[in-house]
Amino acid sequence: MFTPTCMISGKELDDVQSDFKSSRKVEQYRISEQALYLPEGLRWKYIPLKEIQHAEESFRVISAGHCVPVREKRPELDLSIGDQTVHLHLEKKENMQKILDAIR
C-alpha cells in the first residue's frame, strides 16, 4: 500500500493511510476530516486541513476551440499554506463550496 506524502514537512498525520481511505472524492481531489489530498501522477500528496491558513475563491479563464475560440470562467480555489499558495482547478462552483465547507 502506498503512503500519501505530506506537502508540509513536520506536519504529517499519524495514520494517513486510514484517513485517505475515509476520504471522499471531489472532482480529482479527495477530502477527509483531517486532510486535503491532491493527485501527483500515480501517487497522492496531502495538506493537513489545520495547516491551511487562508482559502480564497477565484476564477480562471480558459480558452478552448480551434475554429471558434471559446473563453470560459472556471472556479479555482487558492489555498495559503505556510509561504506557498496552492491552486485547485475545479470544474464546478458547487464542488469549490464543498471543499471550502470541509476546510472551515
C-alpha atoms as a PDB file:
ATOM      1  CA  MET A   1       0.000   0.000   0.000  1.00  0.00           C
ATOM      2  CA  PHE A   2       1.259   3.452  -0.859  1.00  0.00           C
ATOM      3  CA  THR A   3       1.529   6.295   1.633  1.00  0.00           C
ATOM      4  CA  PRO A   4       0.476   9.807   0.582  1.00  0.00           C
ATOM      5  CA  THR A   5       3.195  12.436   1.045  1.00  0.00           C
ATOM      6  CA  CYS A   6       2.664  15.498   3.225  1.00  0.00           C
ATOM      7  CA  MET A   7       3.345  18.828   1.485  1.00  0.00           C
ATOM      8  CA  ILE A   8       4.488  20.414   4.776  1.00  0.00           C
ATOM      9  CA  SER A   9       7.405  18.645   6.405  1.00  0.00           C
ATOM     10  CA  GLY A  10       6.985  18.032  10.123  1.00  0.00           C
ATOM     11  CA  LYS A  11       3.162  18.195   9.932  1.00  0.00           C
ATOM     12  CA  GLU A  12       2.488  14.594   8.852  1.00  0.00           C
ATOM     13  CA  LEU A  13      -0.680  12.819  10.031  1.00  0.00           C
ATOM     14  CA  ASP A  14      -0.310   9.830  12.354  1.00  0.00           C
ATOM     15  CA  ASP A  15      -2.456   7.363  10.391  1.00  0.00           C
ATOM     16  CA  VAL A  16      -2.562   8.861   6.916  1.00  0.00           C
ATOM     17  CA  GLN A  17      -3.482   5.593   5.177  1.00  0.00           C
ATOM     18  CA  SER A  18      -6.734   5.112   7.090  1.00  0.00           C
ATOM     19  CA  ASP A  19      -7.511   8.831   6.752  1.00  0.00           C
ATOM     20  CA  PHE A  20      -7.051   8.551   2.983  1.00  0.00           C
ATOM     21  CA  LYS A  21      -9.364   5.526   2.894  1.00  0.00           C
ATOM     22  CA  SER A  22     -12.056   7.529   4.707  1.00  0.00           C
ATOM     23  CA  SER A  23     -11.773  10.499   2.315  1.00  0.00           C
ATOM     24  CA  ARG A  24     -14.416  11.341  -0.264  1.00  0.00           C
ATOM     25  CA  LYS A  25     -13.814  12.337  -3.860  1.00  0.00           C
ATOM     26  CA  VAL A  26     -14.473  15.904  -5.035  1.00  0.00           C
ATOM     27  CA  GLU A  27     -13.552  16.046  -8.723  1.00  0.00           C
ATOM     28  CA  GLN A  28      -9.879  14.990  -8.958  1.00  0.00           C
ATOM     29  CA  TYR A  29      -9.197  15.747  -5.282  1.00  0.00           C
ATOM     30  CA  ARG A  30     -10.068  13.854  -2.105  1.00  0.00           C
ATOM     31  CA  ILE A  31     -11.043  15.379   1.238  1.00  0.00           C
ATOM     32  CA  SER A  32     -11.301  13.838   4.702  1.00  0.00           C
ATOM     33  CA  GLU A  33     -11.788  15.044   8.261  1.00  0.00           C
ATOM     34  CA  GLN A  34      -8.049  15.777   8.552  1.00  0.00           C
ATOM     35  CA  ALA A  35      -6.582  16.439   5.108  1.00  0.00           C
ATOM     36  CA  LEU A  36      -6.998  17.533   1.510  1.00  0.00           C
ATOM     37  CA  TYR A  37      -5.423  15.077  -0.946  1.00  0.00           C
ATOM     38  CA  LEU A  38      -4.073  16.169  -4.325  1.00  0.00           C
ATOM     39  CA  PRO A  39      -3.131  13.766  -7.129  1.00  0.00           C
ATOM     40  CA  GLU A  40       0.503  13.691  -8.199  1.00  0.00           C
ATOM     41  CA  GLY A  41       0.873  11.284 -11.096  1.00  0.00           C
ATOM     42  CA  LEU A  42       0.103   7.822  -9.735  1.00  0.00           C
ATOM     43  CA  ARG A  43       0.620   8.936  -6.121  1.00  0.00           C
ATOM     44  CA  TRP A  44      -1.036  11.400  -3.761  1.00  0.00           C
ATOM     45  CA  LYS A  45       0.218  14.306  -1.692  1.00  0.00           C
ATOM     46  CA  TYR A  46      -1.769  15.977   1.067  1.00  0.00           C
ATOM     47  CA  ILE A  47      -2.238  19.149   3.072  1.00  0.00           C
ATOM     48  CA  PRO A  48      -3.437  18.792   6.676  1.00  0.00           C
ATOM     49  CA  LEU A  49      -6.589  20.916   6.985  1.00  0.00           C
ATOM     50  CA  LYS A  50      -5.354  22.626  10.152  1.00  0.00           C
ATOM     51  CA  GLU A  51      -2.317  23.930   8.208  1.00  0.00           C
ATOM     52  CA  ILE A  52      -4.420  25.829   5.652  1.00  0.00           C
ATOM     53  CA  GLN A  53      -4.161  29.442   6.747  1.00  0.00           C
ATOM     54  CA  HIS A  54      -6.432  31.031   4.148  1.00  0.00           C
ATOM     55  CA  ALA A  55      -8.717  29.842   1.340  1.00  0.00           C
ATOM     56  CA  GLU A  56      -9.861  32.276  -1.335  1.00  0.00           C
ATOM     57  CA  GLU A  57     -12.314  31.753  -4.173  1.00  0.00           C
ATOM     58  CA  SER A  58     -11.249  32.924  -7.606  1.00  0.00           C
ATOM     59  CA  PHE A  59     -11.842  32.110 -11.243  1.00  0.00           C
ATOM     60  CA  ARG A  60      -9.552  31.300 -14.107  1.00  0.00           C
ATOM     61  CA  VAL A  61     -10.307  31.905 -17.762  1.00  0.00           C
ATOM     62  CA  ILE A  62      -9.662  29.053 -20.146  1.00  0.00           C
ATOM     63  CA  SER A  63      -9.676  29.165 -23.916  1.00  0.00           C
ATOM     64  CA  ALA A  64     -10.937  26.266 -25.971  1.00  0.00           C
ATOM     65  CA  GLY A  65     -11.935  25.571 -29.540  1.00  0.00           C
ATOM     66  CA  HIS A  66      -9.927  25.567 -32.715  1.00  0.00           C
ATOM     67  CA  CYS A  67     -12.016  27.384 -35.308  1.00  0.00           C
ATOM     68  CA  VAL A  68     -14.119  29.462 -32.967  1.00  0.00           C
ATOM     69  CA  PRO A  69     -12.306  30.437 -29.759  1.00  0.00           C
ATOM     70  CA  VAL A  70     -14.383  29.999 -26.623  1.00  0.00           C
ATOM     71  CA  ARG A  71     -13.463  31.609 -23.315  1.00  0.00           C
ATOM     72  CA  GLU A  72     -14.940  30.178 -20.130  1.00  0.00           C
ATOM     73  CA  LYS A  73     -14.634  31.113 -16.476  1.00  0.00           C
ATOM     74  CA  ARG A  74     -13.906  28.121 -14.268  1.00  0.00           C
ATOM     75  CA  PRO A  75     -13.709  28.084 -10.464  1.00  0.00           C
ATOM     76  CA  GLU A  76     -10.346  27.996  -8.742  1.00  0.00           C
ATOM     77  CA  LEU A  77      -9.507  27.816  -5.062  1.00  0.00           C
ATOM     78  CA  ASP A  78      -6.308  29.446  -3.780  1.00  0.00           C
ATOM     79  CA  LEU A  79      -5.005  27.917  -0.539  1.00  0.00           C
ATOM     80  CA  SER A  80      -2.312  29.596   1.543  1.00  0.00           C
ATOM     81  CA  ILE A  81      -0.121  27.143   3.417  1.00  0.00           C
ATOM     82  CA  GLY A  82       2.985  28.499   5.034  1.00  0.00           C
ATOM     83  CA  ASP A  83       4.916  30.533   2.482  1.00  0.00           C
ATOM     84  CA  GLN A  84       3.297  28.975  -0.588  1.00  0.00           C
ATOM     85  CA  THR A  85      -0.035  29.104  -2.414  1.00  0.00           C
ATOM     86  CA  VAL A  86      -1.701  26.026  -3.882  1.00  0.00           C
ATOM     87  CA  HIS A  87      -4.223  26.475  -6.712  1.00  0.00           C
ATOM     88  CA  LEU A  88      -7.020  23.932  -7.010  1.00  0.00           C
ATOM     89  CA  HIS A  89      -8.529  23.932 -10.501  1.00  0.00           C
ATOM     90  CA  LEU A  90     -12.160  22.853 -10.415  1.00  0.00           C
ATOM     91  CA  GLU A  91     -14.918  22.372 -12.956  1.00  0.00           C
ATOM     92  CA  LYS A  92     -17.992  23.248 -10.872  1.00  0.00           C
ATOM     93  CA  LYS A  93     -18.619  26.041  -8.389  1.00  0.00           C
ATOM     94  CA  GLU A  94     -20.588  23.722  -6.069  1.00  0.00           C
ATOM     95  CA  ASN A  95     -17.507  21.495  -5.729  1.00  0.00           C
ATOM     96  CA  MET A  96     -15.466  24.523  -4.713  1.00  0.00           C
ATOM     97  CA  GLN A  97     -18.037  25.152  -1.987  1.00  0.00           C
ATOM     98  CA  LYS A  98     -17.786  21.515  -0.790  1.00  0.00           C
ATOM     99  CA  ILE A  99     -14.053  21.909  -0.290  1.00  0.00           C
ATOM    100  CA  LEU A 100     -14.467  25.293   1.434  1.00  0.00           C
ATOM    101  CA  ASP A 101     -17.067  23.818   3.809  1.00  0.00           C
ATOM    102  CA  ALA A 102     -14.710  20.953   4.720  1.00  0.00           C
ATOM    103  CA  ILE A 103     -11.804  23.338   5.368  1.00  0.00           C
ATOM    104  CA  ARG A 104     -13.741  25.678   7.642  1.00  0.00           C
END
